[in-house]
Amino acid sequence: MVVDMTSLDLIACCKPLAADALTDEEASATAALFKALADPARVKIVNLLATSDEPVCACEFIPALGLSQATVSHHLRKLTEAGLLEREPRGKWAYFSLDREAAAELAGLVDLPEVVR
């Protein structure tokens, strides 16, 4: 099953990994969300936003990540399409912030019960 990240809010389709059972659609949406995070640069972007009190200009990620503007834009687009980031245009620049509701949902996805052996 292919999940089109541009046509649905992945966060809304995800269920916690500890749920009783996942449908094929829920499992695919959850995998697509983890795929959106499966890059060190994207994890750094989320980390920078999670520790910032204010939205961050796209231009600030370039030196922070040591990547080109085009590569940073690609990563920001993937995270925004996954529903993790909010994008606010301001003149010629875009400012990004972590979608707090999505962050809470993401935290809930990996809230696993303690494994007893």
Protein backbone atom coordinates (compact mmCIF):
# COMPACT_ATOMS: atom_id res chain seq x y z
CA MET A 1 0.00 0.00 0.00
CA VAL A 2 1.36 3.44 -0.94
CA VAL A 3 0.48 6.42 1.24
CA ASP A 4 0.40 9.74 -0.60
CA MET A 5 1.88 12.15 1.94
CA THR A 6 0.51 15.19 0.10
CA SER A 7 -3.14 14.17 0.23
CA LEU A 8 -3.69 13.28 3.89
CA ASP A 9 -2.50 14.25 7.30
CA LEU A 10 -0.28 11.35 8.29
CA ILE A 11 -0.47 12.18 11.96
CA ALA A 12 -4.25 11.78 11.96
CA CYS A 13 -3.95 8.36 10.32
CA CYS A 14 -1.39 6.96 12.72
CA LYS A 15 -2.13 4.79 15.72
CA PRO A 16 0.26 4.00 18.59
CA LEU A 17 2.52 1.03 18.01
CA ALA A 18 1.07 -0.49 21.17
CA ALA A 19 -2.51 -0.36 19.82
CA ASP A 20 -4.43 -3.64 19.89
CA ALA A 21 -4.30 -3.91 16.10
CA LEU A 22 -3.36 -1.66 13.19
CA THR A 23 -5.17 -1.61 9.87
CA ASP A 24 -3.06 -1.72 6.73
CA GLU A 25 -3.75 2.01 6.23
CA GLU A 26 -2.71 2.89 9.80
CA ALA A 27 0.46 0.82 9.53
CA SER A 28 1.33 2.45 6.19
CA ALA A 29 0.68 5.96 7.52
CA THR A 30 2.80 5.28 10.59
CA ALA A 31 5.61 3.88 8.44
CA ALA A 32 5.41 6.94 6.15
CA LEU A 33 5.70 9.23 9.19
CA PHE A 34 8.77 7.36 10.42
CA LYS A 35 10.14 7.50 6.86
CA ALA A 36 9.75 11.29 6.94
CA LEU A 37 11.93 11.28 10.07
CA ALA A 38 14.40 8.69 8.77
CA ASP A 39 17.09 11.18 7.82
CA PRO A 40 19.61 12.73 10.22
CA ALA A 41 19.05 16.23 8.78
CA ARG A 42 15.30 15.95 9.37
CA VAL A 43 15.84 14.75 12.91
CA LYS A 44 18.11 17.77 13.47
CA ILE A 45 15.45 20.08 12.03
CA VAL A 46 12.84 18.68 14.41
CA ASN A 47 15.32 18.99 17.29
CA LEU A 48 16.11 22.62 16.44
CA LEU A 49 12.42 23.47 16.25
CA ALA A 50 11.57 21.56 19.43
CA THR A 51 14.11 23.64 21.35
CA SER A 52 13.13 26.99 19.83
CA ASP A 53 10.60 29.32 21.41
CA GLU A 54 9.94 31.10 18.10
CA PRO A 55 9.41 30.00 14.50
CA VAL A 56 12.73 29.54 12.68
CA CYS A 57 13.52 31.04 9.28
CA ALA A 58 14.38 28.50 6.60
CA CYS A 59 17.61 30.42 6.02
CA GLU A 60 18.79 29.57 9.55
CA PHE A 61 18.81 25.83 8.84
CA ILE A 62 21.41 26.17 6.08
CA PRO A 63 24.39 26.97 8.36
CA ALA A 64 23.00 24.88 11.23
CA LEU A 65 22.87 21.76 9.04
CA GLY A 66 25.74 22.55 6.70
CA LEU A 67 23.53 21.79 3.70
CA SER A 68 22.58 23.71 0.58
CA GLN A 69 19.41 25.78 0.43
CA ALA A 70 17.83 23.32 -2.01
CA THR A 71 18.54 20.35 0.25
CA VAL A 72 17.21 22.15 3.33
CA SER A 73 14.05 23.12 1.42
CA HIS A 74 13.57 19.49 0.38
CA HIS A 75 13.81 18.29 3.99
CA LEU A 76 11.49 21.03 5.26
CA ARG A 77 8.94 20.14 2.57
CA LYS A 78 8.99 16.45 3.52
CA LEU A 79 8.45 17.23 7.20
CA THR A 80 5.70 19.73 6.41
CA GLU A 81 3.92 17.26 4.11
CA ALA A 82 4.06 14.68 6.89
CA GLY A 83 2.20 17.13 9.13
CA LEU A 84 5.04 17.66 11.60
CA LEU A 85 5.84 21.28 10.76
CA GLU A 86 3.84 24.45 10.31
CA ARG A 87 5.03 26.83 7.57
CA GLU A 88 4.44 30.58 7.79
CA PRO A 89 5.43 32.73 4.79
CA ARG A 90 6.89 36.14 5.73
CA GLY A 91 7.90 38.13 2.68
CA LYS A 92 10.36 36.10 0.65
CA TRP A 93 11.19 33.76 3.52
CA ALA A 94 9.30 30.96 5.20
CA TYR A 95 9.37 30.38 8.95
CA PHE A 96 8.85 26.96 10.42
CA SER A 97 7.66 25.70 13.77
CA LEU A 98 6.90 22.29 15.17
CA ASP A 99 3.21 21.49 15.08
CA ARG A 100 2.68 20.92 18.82
CA GLU A 101 -0.35 18.68 18.31
CA ALA A 102 1.60 16.56 15.83
CA ALA A 103 4.53 16.38 18.24
CA ALA A 104 2.24 15.12 20.98
CA GLU A 105 0.78 12.53 18.61
CA LEU A 106 4.28 11.47 17.58
CA ALA A 107 5.25 11.00 21.21
CA GLY A 108 2.15 8.86 21.70
CA LEU A 109 3.09 6.63 18.76
CA VAL A 110 6.12 5.27 20.53
CA ASP A 111 4.67 5.06 24.03
CA LEU A 112 5.21 1.34 24.48
CA PRO A 113 4.34 -0.64 27.58
CA GLU A 114 7.24 -1.99 29.56
CA VAL A 115 8.38 -5.35 28.25
CA VAL A 116 8.38 -8.03 30.92
CA ARG A 117 10.67 -10.98 30.35
